[in-house]
């Protein structure tokens, strides 16, 4: 019985330590921006639609950032041009998935 109680207590202490350490690391990154990837037609025949999309996204993100909806962290865009081509879009999607910042 004592061994089971000791084992349970050790597990709880370890879990608490892991939680505290993870919370501490979250607070240390408080000022780091949050990156969001945006893929769209930024060049070519559909460039106008891509630019309109970006304007809308930027307006909304400016509002979020100014109102500090996520504390002191800012949201920043990383823009990818898929040229409105599905083959390029597949490559861009892989690039976004591989990017650790996004």
PDB file of N, CA and C in Angstrom:
ATOM      1  N   UNK A   1       0.820  -1.192   0.000  1.00  0.00           N
ATOM      2  CA  UNK A   1       0.000   0.000   0.000  1.00  0.00           C
ATOM      3  C   UNK A   1       0.863   1.256   0.000  1.00  0.00           C
ATOM      4  N   UNK A   2       1.930   1.255   0.830  1.00  0.00           N
ATOM      5  CA  UNK A   2       2.802   2.422   0.898  1.00  0.00           C
ATOM      6  C   UNK A   2       3.527   2.640  -0.427  1.00  0.00           C
ATOM      7  N   UNK A   3       3.913   1.549  -1.091  1.00  0.00           N
ATOM      8  CA  UNK A   3       4.599   1.670  -2.378  1.00  0.00           C
ATOM      9  C   UNK A   3       3.667   2.281  -3.422  1.00  0.00           C
ATOM     10  N   UNK A   4       2.395   1.864  -3.424  1.00  0.00           N
ATOM     11  CA  UNK A   4       1.434   2.419  -4.374  1.00  0.00           C
ATOM     12  C   UNK A   4       1.228   3.909  -4.113  1.00  0.00           C
ATOM     13  N   UNK A   5       1.101   4.273  -2.856  1.00  0.00           N
ATOM     14  CA  UNK A   5       0.905   5.679  -2.498  1.00  0.00           C
ATOM     15  C   UNK A   5       2.121   6.504  -2.893  1.00  0.00           C
ATOM     16  N   UNK A   6       3.304   5.981  -2.633  1.00  0.00           N
ATOM     17  CA  UNK A   6       4.533   6.680  -3.005  1.00  0.00           C
ATOM     18  C   UNK A   6       4.633   6.830  -4.522  1.00  0.00           C
ATOM     19  N   UNK A   7       4.279   5.785  -5.256  1.00  0.00           N
ATOM     20  CA  UNK A   7       4.307   5.841  -6.718  1.00  0.00           C
ATOM     21  C   UNK A   7       3.330   6.892  -7.239  1.00  0.00           C
ATOM     22  N   UNK A   8       2.125   6.912  -6.695  1.00  0.00           N
ATOM     23  CA  UNK A   8       1.122   7.896  -7.116  1.00  0.00           C
ATOM     24  C   UNK A   8       1.606   9.307  -6.797  1.00  0.00           C
ATOM     25  N   UNK A   9       2.179   9.500  -5.619  1.00  0.00           N
ATOM     26  CA  UNK A   9       2.690  10.824  -5.245  1.00  0.00           C
ATOM     27  C   UNK A   9       3.815  11.271  -6.174  1.00  0.00           C
ATOM     28  N   UNK A  10       4.717  10.365  -6.511  1.00  0.00           N
ATOM     29  CA  UNK A  10       5.805  10.708  -7.429  1.00  0.00           C
ATOM     30  C   UNK A  10       5.272  11.073  -8.812  1.00  0.00           C
ATOM     31  N   UNK A  11       4.275  10.351  -9.277  1.00  0.00           N
ATOM     32  CA  UNK A  11       3.672  10.669 -10.575  1.00  0.00           C
ATOM     33  C   UNK A  11       3.032  12.049 -10.533  1.00  0.00           C
ATOM     34  N   UNK A  12       2.310  12.349  -9.467  1.00  0.00           N
ATOM     35  CA  UNK A  12       1.670  13.664  -9.340  1.00  0.00           C
ATOM     36  C   UNK A  12       2.699  14.786  -9.257  1.00  0.00           C
ATOM     37  N   UNK A  13       3.774  14.560  -8.524  1.00  0.00           N
ATOM     38  CA  UNK A  13       4.831  15.574  -8.419  1.00  0.00           C
ATOM     39  C   UNK A  13       5.476  15.802  -9.780  1.00  0.00           C
ATOM     40  N   UNK A  14       5.759  14.718 -10.507  1.00  0.00           N
ATOM     41  CA  UNK A  14       6.332  14.858 -11.853  1.00  0.00           C
ATOM     42  C   UNK A  14       5.388  15.611 -12.783  1.00  0.00           C
ATOM     43  N   UNK A  15       4.108  15.280 -12.719  1.00  0.00           N
ATOM     44  CA  UNK A  15       3.132  15.966 -13.572  1.00  0.00           C
ATOM     45  C   UNK A  15       3.077  17.453 -13.232  1.00  0.00           C
ATOM     46  N   UNK A  16       3.113  17.781 -11.940  1.00  0.00           N
ATOM     47  CA  UNK A  16       3.089  19.192 -11.529  1.00  0.00           C
ATOM     48  C   UNK A  16       4.334  19.919 -12.017  1.00  0.00           C
ATOM     49  N   UNK A  17       5.493  19.270 -11.916  1.00  0.00           N
ATOM     50  CA  UNK A  17       6.739  19.893 -12.394  1.00  0.00           C
ATOM     51  C   UNK A  17       6.689  20.136 -13.900  1.00  0.00           C
ATOM     52  N   UNK A  18       6.199  19.162 -14.636  1.00  0.00           N
ATOM     53  CA  UNK A  18       6.090  19.328 -16.089  1.00  0.00           C
ATOM     54  C   UNK A  18       5.151  20.477 -16.413  1.00  0.00           C
ATOM     55  N   UNK A  19       4.024  20.562 -15.714  1.00  0.00           N
ATOM     56  CA  UNK A  19       3.069  21.644 -15.951  1.00  0.00           C
ATOM     57  C   UNK A  19       3.695  22.999 -15.646  1.00  0.00           C
ATOM     58  N   UNK A  20       4.378  23.111 -14.522  1.00  0.00           N
ATOM     59  CA  UNK A  20       5.000  24.383 -14.139  1.00  0.00           C
ATOM     60  C   UNK A  20       6.068  24.782 -15.141  1.00  0.00           C
ATOM     61  N   UNK A  21       6.892  23.840 -15.555  1.00  0.00           N
ATOM     62  CA  UNK A  21       7.939  24.154 -16.526  1.00  0.00           C
ATOM     63  C   UNK A  21       7.356  24.554 -17.874  1.00  0.00           C
ATOM     64  N   UNK A  22       6.290  23.897 -18.295  1.00  0.00           N
ATOM     65  CA  UNK A  22       5.694  24.264 -19.582  1.00  0.00           C
ATOM     66  C   UNK A  22       5.041  25.635 -19.499  1.00  0.00           C
ATOM     67  N   UNK A  23       4.411  25.964 -18.391  1.00  0.00           N
ATOM     68  CA  UNK A  23       3.818  27.291 -18.219  1.00  0.00           C
ATOM     69  C   UNK A  23       4.901  28.363 -18.204  1.00  0.00           C
ATOM     70  N   UNK A  24       6.024  28.084 -17.572  1.00  0.00           N
ATOM     71  CA  UNK A  24       7.123  29.045 -17.530  1.00  0.00           C
ATOM     72  C   UNK A  24       7.640  29.319 -18.932  1.00  0.00           C
ATOM     73  N   UNK A  25       7.774  28.281 -19.737  1.00  0.00           N
ATOM     74  CA  UNK A  25       8.268  28.495 -21.096  1.00  0.00           C
ATOM     75  C   UNK A  25       7.248  29.257 -21.928  1.00  0.00           C
ATOM     76  N   UNK A  26       5.967  29.082 -21.658  1.00  0.00           N
ATOM     77  CA  UNK A  26       4.954  29.852 -22.379  1.00  0.00           C
ATOM     78  C   UNK A  26       5.078  31.334 -22.059  1.00  0.00           C
ATOM     79  N   UNK A  27       5.325  31.656 -20.790  1.00  0.00           N
ATOM     80  CA  UNK A  27       5.450  33.061 -20.410  1.00  0.00           C
ATOM     81  C   UNK A  27       6.719  33.682 -20.969  1.00  0.00           C
ATOM     82  N   UNK A  28       7.764  32.908 -21.135  1.00  0.00           N
ATOM     83  CA  UNK A  28       8.999  33.448 -21.690  1.00  0.00           C
ATOM     84  C   UNK A  28       8.821  33.828 -23.148  1.00  0.00           C
ATOM     85  N   UNK A  29       7.955  33.138 -23.864  1.00  0.00           N
ATOM     86  CA  UNK A  29       7.718  33.424 -25.276  1.00  0.00           C
ATOM     87  C   UNK A  29       6.578  34.412 -25.482  1.00  0.00           C
ATOM     88  N   UNK A  30       6.179  35.066 -24.419  1.00  0.00           N
ATOM     89  CA  UNK A  30       5.029  35.956 -24.449  1.00  0.00           C
ATOM     90  C   UNK A  30       5.146  37.046 -25.508  1.00  0.00           C
ATOM     91  N   UNK A  31       6.340  37.554 -25.724  1.00  0.00           N
ATOM     92  CA  UNK A  31       6.533  38.649 -26.668  1.00  0.00           C
ATOM     93  C   UNK A  31       6.771  38.168 -28.099  1.00  0.00           C
ATOM     94  N   UNK A  32       6.979  36.879 -28.288  1.00  0.00           N
ATOM     95  CA  UNK A  32       7.222  36.344 -29.626  1.00  0.00           C
ATOM     96  C   UNK A  32       5.939  36.462 -30.450  1.00  0.00           C
ATOM     97  N   UNK A  33       6.043  36.860 -31.707  1.00  0.00           N
ATOM     98  CA  UNK A  33       4.833  36.958 -32.528  1.00  0.00           C
ATOM     99  C   UNK A  33       4.272  35.586 -32.897  1.00  0.00           C
ATOM    100  N   UNK A  34       3.008  35.583 -33.238  1.00  0.00           N
ATOM    101  CA  UNK A  34       2.347  34.399 -33.768  1.00  0.00           C
ATOM    102  C   UNK A  34       2.321  34.576 -35.283  1.00  0.00           C
ATOM    103  N   UNK A  35       2.808  33.601 -36.002  1.00  0.00           N
ATOM    104  CA  UNK A  35       2.872  33.696 -37.458  1.00  0.00           C
ATOM    105  C   UNK A  35       1.726  32.912 -38.088  1.00  0.00           C
ATOM    106  N   UNK A  36       1.104  33.535 -39.075  1.00  0.00           N
ATOM    107  CA  UNK A  36       0.036  32.896 -39.833  1.00  0.00           C
ATOM    108  C   UNK A  36       0.429  32.912 -41.306  1.00  0.00           C
ATOM    109  N   UNK A  37       0.317  31.767 -41.935  1.00  0.00           N
ATOM    110  CA  UNK A  37       0.636  31.672 -43.362  1.00  0.00           C
ATOM    111  C   UNK A  37      -0.602  32.002 -44.186  1.00  0.00           C
ATOM    112  N   UNK A  38      -0.378  32.735 -45.252  1.00  0.00           N
ATOM    113  CA  UNK A  38      -1.443  33.054 -46.204  1.00  0.00           C
ATOM    114  C   UNK A  38      -0.937  32.682 -47.588  1.00  0.00           C
ATOM    115  N   UNK A  39      -1.684  31.833 -48.262  1.00  0.00           N
ATOM    116  CA  UNK A  39      -1.327  31.446 -49.632  1.00  0.00           C
ATOM    117  C   UNK A  39      -2.436  31.900 -50.563  1.00  0.00           C
ATOM    118  N   UNK A  40      -2.035  32.477 -51.654  1.00  0.00           N
ATOM    119  CA  UNK A  40      -3.013  32.941 -52.625  1.00  0.00           C
ATOM    120  C   UNK A  40      -2.325  33.467 -53.864  1.00  0.00           C
ATOM    121  N   UNK A  41      -3.123  33.927 -54.823  1.00  0.00           N
ATOM    122  CA  UNK A  41      -2.552  34.447 -56.067  1.00  0.00           C
ATOM    123  C   UNK A  41      -1.976  35.847 -55.871  1.00  0.00           C
ATOM    124  N   UNK A  42      -0.700  35.934 -55.603  1.00  0.00           N
ATOM    125  CA  UNK A  42      -0.050  37.224 -55.374  1.00  0.00           C
ATOM    126  C   UNK A  42       0.604  37.757 -56.646  1.00  0.00           C
ATOM    127  N   UNK A  43       0.556  36.963 -57.702  1.00  0.00           N
ATOM    128  CA  UNK A  43       1.075  37.393 -59.004  1.00  0.00           C
ATOM    129  C   UNK A  43       0.230  36.722 -60.081  1.00  0.00           C
ATOM    130  N   UNK A  44       0.414  37.165 -61.291  1.00  0.00           N
ATOM    131  CA  UNK A  44      -0.316  36.561 -62.401  1.00  0.00           C
ATOM    132  C   UNK A  44      -1.666  37.211 -62.633  1.00  0.00           C
ATOM    133  N   UNK A  45      -2.509  36.501 -63.355  1.00  0.00           N
ATOM    134  CA  UNK A  45      -3.802  37.039 -63.784  1.00  0.00           C
ATOM    135  C   UNK A  45      -4.743  37.338 -62.619  1.00  0.00           C
ATOM    136  N   UNK A  46      -4.636  36.593 -61.527  1.00  0.00           N
ATOM    137  CA  UNK A  46      -5.522  36.779 -60.378  1.00  0.00           C
ATOM    138  C   UNK A  46      -4.885  37.564 -59.243  1.00  0.00           C
ATOM    139  N   UNK A  47      -3.869  38.329 -59.553  1.00  0.00           N
ATOM    140  CA  UNK A  47      -3.149  39.114 -58.551  1.00  0.00           C
ATOM    141  C   UNK A  47      -4.087  40.058 -57.794  1.00  0.00           C
ATOM    142  N   UNK A  48      -5.052  40.644 -58.485  1.00  0.00           N
ATOM    143  CA  UNK A  48      -5.979  41.587 -57.860  1.00  0.00           C
ATOM    144  C   UNK A  48      -6.770  40.923 -56.735  1.00  0.00           C
ATOM    145  N   UNK A  49      -7.228  39.699 -56.954  1.00  0.00           N
ATOM    146  CA  UNK A  49      -7.964  38.973 -55.922  1.00  0.00           C
ATOM    147  C   UNK A  49      -7.068  38.670 -54.721  1.00  0.00           C
ATOM    148  N   UNK A  50      -5.835  38.290 -54.990  1.00  0.00           N
ATOM    149  CA  UNK A  50      -4.891  38.028 -53.907  1.00  0.00           C
ATOM    150  C   UNK A  50      -4.610  39.269 -53.085  1.00  0.00           C
ATOM    151  N   UNK A  51      -4.451  40.407 -53.758  1.00  0.00           N
ATOM    152  CA  UNK A  51      -4.210  41.669 -53.050  1.00  0.00           C
ATOM    153  C   UNK A  51      -5.420  42.058 -52.204  1.00  0.00           C
ATOM    154  N   UNK A  52      -6.630  41.861 -52.743  1.00  0.00           N
ATOM    155  CA  UNK A  52      -7.849  42.166 -51.988  1.00  0.00           C
ATOM    156  C   UNK A  52      -7.953  41.271 -50.754  1.00  0.00           C
ATOM    157  N   UNK A  53      -7.619  40.001 -50.923  1.00  0.00           N
ATOM    158  CA  UNK A  53      -7.639  39.066 -49.810  1.00  0.00           C
ATOM    159  C   UNK A  53      -6.668  39.525 -48.720  1.00  0.00           C
ATOM    160  N   UNK A  54      -5.462  39.919 -49.123  1.00  0.00           N
ATOM    161  CA  UNK A  54      -4.463  40.382 -48.153  1.00  0.00           C
ATOM    162  C   UNK A  54      -4.914  41.642 -47.427  1.00  0.00           C
ATOM    163  N   UNK A  55      -5.542  42.570 -48.151  1.00  0.00           N
ATOM    164  CA  UNK A  55      -6.031  43.794 -47.495  1.00  0.00           C
ATOM    165  C   UNK A  55      -7.032  43.450 -46.400  1.00  0.00           C
ATOM    166  N   UNK A  56      -7.948  42.544 -46.703  1.00  0.00           N
ATOM    167  CA  UNK A  56      -8.940  42.131 -45.712  1.00  0.00           C
ATOM    168  C   UNK A  56      -8.306  41.463 -44.503  1.00  0.00           C
ATOM    169  N   UNK A  57      -7.365  40.587 -44.750  1.00  0.00           N
ATOM    170  CA  UNK A  57      -6.675  39.895 -43.653  1.00  0.00           C
ATOM    171  C   UNK A  57      -5.899  40.895 -42.810  1.00  0.00           C
ATOM    172  N   UNK A  58      -5.189  41.805 -43.461  1.00  0.00           N
ATOM    173  CA  UNK A  58      -4.393  42.793 -42.716  1.00  0.00           C
ATOM    174  C   UNK A  58      -5.274  43.714 -41.877  1.00  0.00           C
ATOM    175  N   UNK A  59      -6.420  44.122 -42.418  1.00  0.00           N
ATOM    176  CA  UNK A  59      -7.344  44.960 -41.644  1.00  0.00           C
ATOM    177  C   UNK A  59      -7.784  44.243 -40.374  1.00  0.00           C
ATOM    178  N   UNK A  60      -8.144  42.979 -40.516  1.00  0.00           N
ATOM    179  CA  UNK A  60      -8.593  42.215 -39.358  1.00  0.00           C
ATOM    180  C   UNK A  60      -7.457  41.994 -38.355  1.00  0.00           C
ATOM    181  N   UNK A  61      -6.273  41.666 -38.851  1.00  0.00           N
ATOM    182  CA  UNK A  61      -5.148  41.438 -37.940  1.00  0.00           C
ATOM    183  C   UNK A  61      -4.725  42.719 -37.242  1.00  0.00           C
ATOM    184  N   UNK A  62      -4.808  43.853 -37.930  1.00  0.00           N
ATOM    185  CA  UNK A  62      -4.517  45.132 -37.276  1.00  0.00           C
ATOM    186  C   UNK A  62      -5.472  45.359 -36.111  1.00  0.00           C
ATOM    187  N   UNK A  63      -6.735  45.044 -36.317  1.00  0.00           N
ATOM    188  CA  UNK A  63      -7.737  45.187 -35.254  1.00  0.00           C
ATOM    189  C   UNK A  63      -7.396  44.272 -34.079  1.00  0.00           C
ATOM    190  N   UNK A  64      -7.102  43.018 -34.373  1.00  0.00           N
ATOM    191  CA  UNK A  64      -6.743  42.047 -33.325  1.00  0.00           C
ATOM    192  C   UNK A  64      -5.502  42.518 -32.569  1.00  0.00           C
ATOM    193  N   UNK A  65      -4.474  42.925 -33.309  1.00  0.00           N
ATOM    194  CA  UNK A  65      -3.226  43.355 -32.677  1.00  0.00           C
ATOM    195  C   UNK A  65      -3.425  44.619 -31.848  1.00  0.00           C
ATOM    196  N   UNK A  66      -4.188  45.581 -32.352  1.00  0.00           N
ATOM    197  CA  UNK A  66      -4.406  46.829 -31.617  1.00  0.00           C
ATOM    198  C   UNK A  66      -5.232  46.624 -30.357  1.00  0.00           C
ATOM    199  N   UNK A  67      -6.162  45.683 -30.400  1.00  0.00           N
ATOM    200  CA  UNK A  67      -6.996  45.401 -29.231  1.00  0.00           C
ATOM    201  C   UNK A  67      -6.341  44.401 -28.285  1.00  0.00           C
ATOM    202  N   UNK A  68      -5.148  43.947 -28.634  1.00  0.00           N
ATOM    203  CA  UNK A  68      -4.377  43.000 -27.816  1.00  0.00           C
ATOM    204  C   UNK A  68      -5.213  41.781 -27.435  1.00  0.00           C
ATOM    205  N   UNK A  69      -5.852  41.200 -28.437  1.00  0.00           N
ATOM    206  CA  UNK A  69      -6.710  40.033 -28.213  1.00  0.00           C
ATOM    207  C   UNK A  69      -5.929  38.814 -27.732  1.00  0.00           C
ATOM    208  N   UNK A  70      -4.634  38.765 -28.035  1.00  0.00           N
ATOM    209  CA  UNK A  70      -3.820  37.645 -27.544  1.00  0.00           C
ATOM    210  C   UNK A  70      -2.688  38.177 -26.666  1.00  0.00           C
ATOM    211  N   UNK A  71      -3.032  39.132 -25.833  1.00  0.00           N
ATOM    212  CA  UNK A  71      -2.053  39.705 -24.913  1.00  0.00           C
ATOM    213  C   UNK A  71      -1.058  40.591 -25.632  1.00  0.00           C
ATOM    214  N   UNK A  72       0.186  40.503 -25.226  1.00  0.00           N
ATOM    215  CA  UNK A  72       1.241  41.333 -25.806  1.00  0.00           C
ATOM    216  C   UNK A  72       1.792  40.773 -27.109  1.00  0.00           C
ATOM    217  N   UNK A  73       1.344  39.600 -27.491  1.00  0.00           N
ATOM    218  CA  UNK A  73       1.857  38.987 -28.721  1.00  0.00           C
ATOM    219  C   UNK A  73       1.177  39.602 -29.935  1.00  0.00           C
ATOM    220  N   UNK A  74       1.906  39.714 -31.013  1.00  0.00           N
ATOM    221  CA  UNK A  74       1.383  40.232 -32.271  1.00  0.00           C
ATOM    222  C   UNK A  74       1.221  39.082 -33.254  1.00  0.00           C
ATOM    223  N   UNK A  75       0.276  39.234 -34.152  1.00  0.00           N
ATOM    224  CA  UNK A  75       0.099  38.268 -35.232  1.00  0.00           C
ATOM    225  C   UNK A  75       0.760  38.848 -36.473  1.00  0.00           C
ATOM    226  N   UNK A  76       1.615  38.063 -37.094  1.00  0.00           N
ATOM    227  CA  UNK A  76       2.304  38.484 -38.312  1.00  0.00           C
ATOM    228  C   UNK A  76       2.013  37.494 -39.427  1.00  0.00           C
ATOM    229  N   UNK A  77       1.956  38.027 -40.632  1.00  0.00           N
ATOM    230  CA  UNK A  77       1.682  37.196 -41.801  1.00  0.00           C
ATOM    231  C   UNK A  77       2.961  36.749 -42.485  1.00  0.00           C
ATOM    232  N   UNK A  78       2.932  35.539 -42.976  1.00  0.00           N
ATOM    233  CA  UNK A  78       3.955  35.058 -43.896  1.00  0.00           C
ATOM    234  C   UNK A  78       3.189  34.739 -45.178  1.00  0.00           C
ATOM    235  N   UNK A  79       3.506  35.472 -46.232  1.00  0.00           N
ATOM    236  CA  UNK A  79       2.728  35.407 -47.462  1.00  0.00           C
ATOM    237  C   UNK A  79       3.410  34.503 -48.486  1.00  0.00           C
ATOM    238  N   UNK A  80       2.608  33.613 -49.075  1.00  0.00           N
ATOM    239  CA  UNK A  80       3.084  32.692 -50.099  1.00  0.00           C
ATOM    240  C   UNK A  80       2.274  32.906 -51.374  1.00  0.00           C
ATOM    241  N   UNK A  81       2.950  32.911 -52.500  1.00  0.00           N
ATOM    242  CA  UNK A  81       2.303  33.094 -53.798  1.00  0.00           C
ATOM    243  C   UNK A  81       2.087  31.739 -54.456  1.00  0.00           C
ATOM    244  N   UNK A  82       0.815  31.356 -54.589  1.00  0.00           N
ATOM    245  CA  UNK A  82       0.533  30.092 -55.274  1.00  0.00           C
ATOM    246  C   UNK A  82       0.167  30.298 -56.750  1.00  0.00           C
ATOM    247  N   UNK A  83       0.183  31.540 -57.179  1.00  0.00           N
ATOM    248  CA  UNK A  83      -0.055  31.922 -58.580  1.00  0.00           C
ATOM    249  C   UNK A  83      -1.371  31.380 -59.133  1.00  0.00           C
ATOM    250  N   UNK A  84      -2.261  30.983 -58.225  1.00  0.00           N
ATOM    251  CA  UNK A  84      -3.552  30.405 -58.610  1.00  0.00           C
ATOM    252  C   UNK A  84      -3.364  29.175 -59.507  1.00  0.00           C
ATOM    253  N   UNK A  85      -2.302  28.428 -59.198  1.00  0.00           N
ATOM    254  CA  UNK A  85      -1.957  27.217 -59.950  1.00  0.00           C
ATOM    255  C   UNK A  85      -1.920  26.059 -58.955  1.00  0.00           C
ATOM    256  N   UNK A  86      -2.709  25.019 -59.213  1.00  0.00           N
ATOM    257  CA  UNK A  86      -2.809  23.945 -58.223  1.00  0.00           C
ATOM    258  C   UNK A  86      -1.489  23.221 -57.978  1.00  0.00           C
ATOM    259  N   UNK A  87      -0.622  23.127 -58.979  1.00  0.00           N
ATOM    260  CA  UNK A  87       0.684  22.483 -58.764  1.00  0.00           C
ATOM    261  C   UNK A  87       1.563  23.336 -57.854  1.00  0.00           C
ATOM    262  N   UNK A  88       1.550  24.630 -58.104  1.00  0.00           N
ATOM    263  CA  UNK A  88       2.317  25.545 -57.247  1.00  0.00           C
ATOM    264  C   UNK A  88       1.708  25.553 -55.846  1.00  0.00           C
ATOM    265  N   UNK A  89       0.380  25.509 -55.769  1.00  0.00           N
ATOM    266  CA  UNK A  89      -0.300  25.508 -54.468  1.00  0.00           C
ATOM    267  C   UNK A  89       0.094  24.291 -53.635  1.00  0.00           C
ATOM    268  N   UNK A  90       0.272  23.143 -54.276  1.00  0.00           N
ATOM    269  CA  UNK A  90       0.704  21.937 -53.553  1.00  0.00           C
ATOM    270  C   UNK A  90       2.103  22.127 -52.971  1.00  0.00           C
ATOM    271  N   UNK A  91       2.991  22.725 -53.755  1.00  0.00           N
ATOM    272  CA  UNK A  91       4.353  22.986 -53.271  1.00  0.00           C
ATOM    273  C   UNK A  91       4.331  23.986 -52.123  1.00  0.00           C
ATOM    274  N   UNK A  92       3.513  25.021 -52.272  1.00  0.00           N
ATOM    275  CA  UNK A  92       3.400  26.039 -51.226  1.00  0.00           C
ATOM    276  C   UNK A  92       2.845  25.417 -49.947  1.00  0.00           C
ATOM    277  N   UNK A  93       1.846  24.548 -50.078  1.00  0.00           N
ATOM    278  CA  UNK A  93       1.270  23.886 -48.905  1.00  0.00           C
ATOM    279  C   UNK A  93       2.320  23.056 -48.179  1.00  0.00           C
ATOM    280  N   UNK A  94       3.157  22.360 -48.922  1.00  0.00           N
ATOM    281  CA  UNK A  94       4.242  21.583 -48.302  1.00  0.00           C
ATOM    282  C   UNK A  94       5.243  22.497 -47.612  1.00  0.00           C
ATOM    283  N   UNK A  95       5.548  23.607 -48.263  1.00  0.00           N
ATOM    284  CA  UNK A  95       6.482  24.581 -47.697  1.00  0.00           C
ATOM    285  C   UNK A  95       5.939  25.127 -46.372  1.00  0.00           C
ATOM    286  N   UNK A  96       4.650  25.439 -46.347  1.00  0.00           N
ATOM    287  CA  UNK A  96       4.026  25.954 -45.125  1.00  0.00           C
ATOM    288  C   UNK A  96       4.054  24.889 -44.036  1.00  0.00           C
ATOM    289  N   UNK A  97       3.726  23.650 -44.397  1.00  0.00           N
ATOM    290  CA  UNK A  97       3.709  22.563 -43.414  1.00  0.00           C
ATOM    291  C   UNK A  97       5.089  22.312 -42.826  1.00  0.00           C
ATOM    292  N   UNK A  98       6.135  22.524 -43.616  1.00  0.00           N
ATOM    293  CA  UNK A  98       7.504  22.288 -43.149  1.00  0.00           C
ATOM    294  C   UNK A  98       8.077  23.457 -42.355  1.00  0.00           C
ATOM    295  N   UNK A  99       7.434  24.617 -42.418  1.00  0.00           N
ATOM    296  CA  UNK A  99       7.944  25.814 -41.748  1.00  0.00           C
ATOM    297  C   UNK A  99       7.583  25.764 -40.263  1.00  0.00           C
ATOM    298  N   UNK A 100       8.570  25.737 -39.402  1.00  0.00           N
ATOM    299  CA  UNK A 100       8.333  25.650 -37.961  1.00  0.00           C
ATOM    300  C   UNK A 100       7.781  26.935 -37.357  1.00  0.00           C
ATOM    301  N   UNK A 101       7.938  28.049 -38.053  1.00  0.00           N
ATOM    302  CA  UNK A 101       7.435  29.320 -37.526  1.00  0.00           C
ATOM    303  C   UNK A 101       5.922  29.416 -37.613  1.00  0.00           C
ATOM    304  N   UNK A 102       5.369  28.794 -38.631  1.00  0.00           N
ATOM    305  CA  UNK A 102       3.933  28.940 -38.904  1.00  0.00           C
ATOM    306  C   UNK A 102       3.140  27.950 -38.082  1.00  0.00           C
TER     307      UNK A 102
END
